[in-house]
């Protein structure tokens, strides 16, 4: 698939070009590498949000716990 980027700020262009040179890649390959990394991060954050929601639902389904201090005090008195 092909895409065209327009109005890329000069600073971003320079950073990407320098990083590509340092890594021995073409600018195109470097941009694909960065986009792939960012896509994986986006997917990871979505997965984490899903897990967090499931954990919150699970926690909400549990019966509330009473204060354990009285139980600990009784146990210590034995």
Protein backbone atom coordinates (compact mmCIF):
# COMPACT_ATOMS: atom_id res chain seq x y z
CA UNK A 1 0.00 0.00 0.00
CA UNK A 2 1.25 3.49 -0.75
CA UNK A 3 0.63 6.70 1.16
CA UNK A 4 1.79 10.26 0.65
CA UNK A 5 2.72 12.58 3.49
CA UNK A 6 2.31 16.30 2.99
CA UNK A 7 3.47 19.23 5.06
CA UNK A 8 5.88 17.21 7.19
CA UNK A 9 7.59 19.67 9.56
CA UNK A 10 11.27 20.16 8.75
CA UNK A 11 12.34 19.09 12.25
CA UNK A 12 10.49 15.76 11.98
CA UNK A 13 11.92 15.18 8.51
CA UNK A 14 15.46 15.85 9.72
CA UNK A 15 15.12 13.54 12.74
CA UNK A 16 13.69 10.72 10.62
CA UNK A 17 16.34 11.16 7.92
CA UNK A 18 19.19 11.20 10.47
CA UNK A 19 17.82 8.13 12.27
CA UNK A 20 17.48 6.31 8.95
CA UNK A 21 21.10 7.07 8.10
CA UNK A 22 22.32 5.96 11.53
CA UNK A 23 20.39 2.69 11.21
CA UNK A 24 21.52 2.10 7.62
CA UNK A 25 17.98 2.32 6.29
CA UNK A 26 16.27 4.35 3.62
CA UNK A 27 13.98 7.12 4.81
CA UNK A 28 11.00 5.12 3.54
CA UNK A 29 12.05 2.01 5.47
CA UNK A 30 12.65 4.08 8.61
CA UNK A 31 9.20 5.65 8.41
CA UNK A 32 7.62 2.21 7.94
CA UNK A 33 9.61 0.97 10.97
CA UNK A 34 8.37 3.85 13.13
CA UNK A 35 4.78 3.47 11.94
CA UNK A 36 4.92 -0.26 12.70
CA UNK A 37 6.19 0.41 16.21
CA UNK A 38 3.48 3.01 16.83
CA UNK A 39 0.76 0.72 15.46
CA UNK A 40 1.89 -2.02 17.87
CA UNK A 41 1.83 0.49 20.76
CA UNK A 42 -1.71 1.59 19.86
CA UNK A 43 -2.85 -2.04 19.75
CA UNK A 44 -1.15 -2.71 23.10
CA UNK A 45 -2.85 0.29 24.76
CA UNK A 46 -6.24 -0.86 23.45
CA UNK A 47 -5.61 -4.35 24.83
CA UNK A 48 -4.63 -2.88 28.21
CA UNK A 49 -7.82 -0.80 28.33
CA UNK A 50 -9.84 -3.93 27.59
CA UNK A 51 -8.08 -5.91 30.35
CA UNK A 52 -8.51 -3.01 32.79
CA UNK A 53 -12.26 -2.84 32.08
CA UNK A 54 -12.58 -6.60 32.57
CA UNK A 55 -10.68 -6.37 35.88
CA UNK A 56 -12.89 -3.50 37.04
CA UNK A 57 -16.02 -5.49 36.16
CA UNK A 58 -14.66 -8.50 38.03
CA UNK A 59 -13.75 -6.39 41.09
CA UNK A 60 -17.22 -4.83 41.07
CA UNK A 61 -18.80 -8.29 41.08
CA UNK A 62 -17.00 -9.30 44.29
CA UNK A 63 -18.67 -8.92 47.65
CA UNK A 64 -17.31 -5.98 49.63
CA UNK A 65 -14.74 -6.93 52.23
CA UNK A 66 -15.27 -5.96 55.81
CA UNK A 67 -12.61 -4.27 57.88
CA UNK A 68 -10.10 -6.94 58.90
CA UNK A 69 -8.78 -5.07 61.97
CA UNK A 70 -11.24 -6.71 64.44
CA UNK A 71 -10.33 -10.19 63.15
CA UNK A 72 -6.63 -9.45 63.51
CA UNK A 73 -7.13 -8.11 67.06
CA UNK A 74 -9.07 -11.24 68.08
CA UNK A 75 -6.41 -13.46 66.59
CA UNK A 76 -3.68 -11.63 68.50
CA UNK A 77 -5.57 -12.02 71.79
CA UNK A 78 -5.49 -15.81 71.52
